[in-house]
Protein backbone atom coordinates (compact mmCIF):
# COMPACT_ATOMS: atom_id res chain seq x y z
CA MET A 1 43.51 33.98 -16.14
CA ILE A 2 45.09 30.52 -15.71
CA VAL A 3 44.39 30.66 -11.95
CA ARG A 4 40.73 31.44 -12.58
CA THR A 5 40.41 28.53 -15.06
CA LYS A 6 42.16 26.22 -12.59
CA LYS A 7 39.71 27.22 -9.83
CA LYS A 8 36.76 26.54 -12.11
CA SER A 9 38.19 23.15 -13.06
CA MET A 10 38.78 22.22 -9.42
CA LEU A 11 35.28 23.40 -8.51
CA ALA A 12 33.81 21.30 -11.33
CA VAL A 13 35.77 18.24 -10.16
CA PHE A 14 34.62 18.82 -6.56
CA PHE A 15 30.93 19.01 -7.54
CA SER A 16 31.30 15.95 -9.79
CA LEU A 17 32.77 13.97 -6.90
CA CYS A 18 29.95 15.11 -4.61
CA LEU A 19 27.35 13.93 -7.13
CA LEU A 20 29.18 10.66 -7.54
CA LEU A 21 29.26 10.07 -3.78
CA VAL A 22 25.56 10.86 -3.41
CA GLY A 23 24.83 8.39 -6.19
CA LEU A 24 26.72 5.64 -4.39
CA PHE A 25 24.51 5.68 -1.28
CA PRO A 26 22.01 2.85 -1.39
CA THR A 27 18.44 3.87 -1.84
CA GLY A 28 15.63 1.74 -0.51
CA ALA A 29 13.28 0.22 -3.03
CA MET A 30 9.92 1.89 -3.04
CA ALA A 31 7.04 -0.42 -2.15
CA VAL A 32 4.38 -0.78 -4.83
CA ASP A 33 1.06 0.64 -3.58
CA TYR A 34 -1.86 -1.43 -4.87
CA GLY A 35 -4.63 1.13 -4.21
CA VAL A 36 -6.26 -1.03 -1.53
CA THR A 37 -6.59 0.00 2.12
CA VAL A 38 -7.62 -2.20 5.05
CA ASN A 39 -8.20 -0.59 8.46
CA GLY A 40 -6.30 2.46 7.25
CA ILE A 41 -3.25 0.42 6.21
CA GLY A 42 -2.28 0.71 2.56
CA VAL A 43 -1.65 -2.63 0.88
CA THR A 44 1.76 -2.81 -0.81
CA ASP A 45 3.89 -5.56 -2.28
CA ALA A 46 5.74 -5.61 1.05
CA ASN A 47 2.67 -6.44 3.19
CA ALA A 48 0.26 -8.10 0.72
CA ALA A 49 0.82 -11.59 2.13
CA ASP A 50 -0.16 -10.44 5.64
CA VAL A 51 -1.66 -6.95 5.49
CA LEU A 52 -2.40 -6.49 9.20
CA GLY A 53 0.47 -8.59 10.51
CA ASP A 54 -1.85 -11.07 12.23
CA GLY A 55 -2.49 -13.55 9.41
CA THR A 56 -6.13 -12.53 8.87
CA VAL A 57 -5.93 -10.46 5.66
CA SER A 58 -3.98 -11.08 2.45
CA TYR A 59 -4.17 -9.57 -1.02
CA ASP A 60 -3.46 -10.99 -4.48
CA SER A 61 -2.80 -8.15 -6.92
CA GLY A 62 -2.99 -10.40 -9.99
CA SER A 63 -6.61 -11.40 -9.36
CA ASN A 64 -7.43 -8.29 -7.26
CA THR A 65 -8.65 -10.56 -4.46
CA LEU A 66 -8.71 -9.62 -0.80
CA SER A 67 -8.81 -12.76 1.37
CA LEU A 68 -10.21 -12.59 4.89
CA LYS A 69 -9.64 -15.38 7.41
CA GLY A 70 -11.28 -14.62 10.76
CA ALA A 71 -10.67 -10.88 10.32
CA ASN A 72 -12.17 -8.15 12.50
CA LEU A 73 -12.08 -4.99 10.39
CA ASN A 74 -13.43 -1.46 10.45
CA LYS A 75 -12.87 -0.40 6.84
CA ILE A 76 -11.95 -1.70 3.38
CA GLU A 77 -11.22 0.58 0.43
CA ASN A 78 -10.73 -0.49 -3.19
CA ASN A 79 -9.28 2.36 -5.26
CA THR A 80 -7.79 0.17 -7.98
CA GLY A 81 -10.40 0.94 -10.62
CA ARG A 82 -10.73 -2.84 -11.14
CA ALA A 83 -13.40 -5.24 -9.97
CA MET A 84 -12.40 -6.80 -6.64
CA THR A 85 -13.27 -10.11 -5.05
CA ILE A 86 -13.47 -10.34 -1.26
CA SER A 87 -13.03 -13.97 -0.28
CA THR A 88 -14.01 -15.06 3.23
CA THR A 89 -12.93 -17.99 5.37
CA GLY A 90 -14.29 -18.35 8.90
CA ASP A 91 -16.21 -15.65 10.75
CA ASN A 92 -15.23 -12.14 9.63
CA THR A 93 -16.62 -8.82 10.83
CA ILE A 94 -16.53 -5.25 9.58
CA THR A 95 -17.76 -2.85 12.23
CA LEU A 96 -17.78 0.90 12.65
CA ASP A 97 -15.28 2.24 15.18
CA THR A 98 -16.87 3.09 18.52
CA GLY A 99 -17.75 6.77 18.69
CA ALA A 100 -17.20 7.31 14.96
CA TYR A 101 -19.78 9.30 13.03
CA THR A 102 -20.40 8.61 9.38
CA TYR A 103 -22.97 9.69 6.85
CA GLY A 104 -24.29 6.58 5.15
CA VAL A 105 -22.42 3.32 4.86
CA ASN A 106 -18.68 3.89 4.86
CA LEU A 107 -17.32 0.50 5.92
CA ILE A 108 -16.54 -0.78 2.42
CA ARG A 109 -15.74 1.68 -0.37
CA SER A 110 -14.94 0.79 -3.96
CA ASN A 111 -14.61 2.60 -7.27
CA ALA A 112 -15.33 -0.65 -9.13
CA PRO A 113 -17.66 -3.67 -8.74
CA LEU A 114 -17.22 -5.95 -5.71
CA THR A 115 -17.84 -9.69 -5.55
CA PHE A 116 -18.06 -11.63 -2.29
CA ASP A 117 -16.86 -15.23 -2.38
CA GLY A 118 -16.83 -17.96 0.25
CA SER A 119 -19.31 -19.97 2.25
CA ASP A 120 -18.39 -18.42 5.58
CA SER A 121 -19.60 -15.16 7.11
CA LEU A 122 -18.84 -11.51 6.72
């Protein structure tokens, strides 16, 4: 009976150590998804300053503003549920991918009102 209790105690200690070791491994911080997609790339807190990696698109989550600076895009999606402003600087284009088929206009989608700002072109 003492041997059986000792085995259970050792087993409990072993599993506790395993859980402790698993808890010590660093876990990466999850990026915050803002509900905005540009060219199929989800905007997160990690890429909001330069969404496409070429300096042409940035996003401000506080004001829900997507800023375009000479961007050539094929799709923008706003799934935030909040009104969004799209601010343009320079010549910006949103074109349908070559060979793509779509029913109706599917280049800019939003589940809330959109406002366009800027004196340049889109």
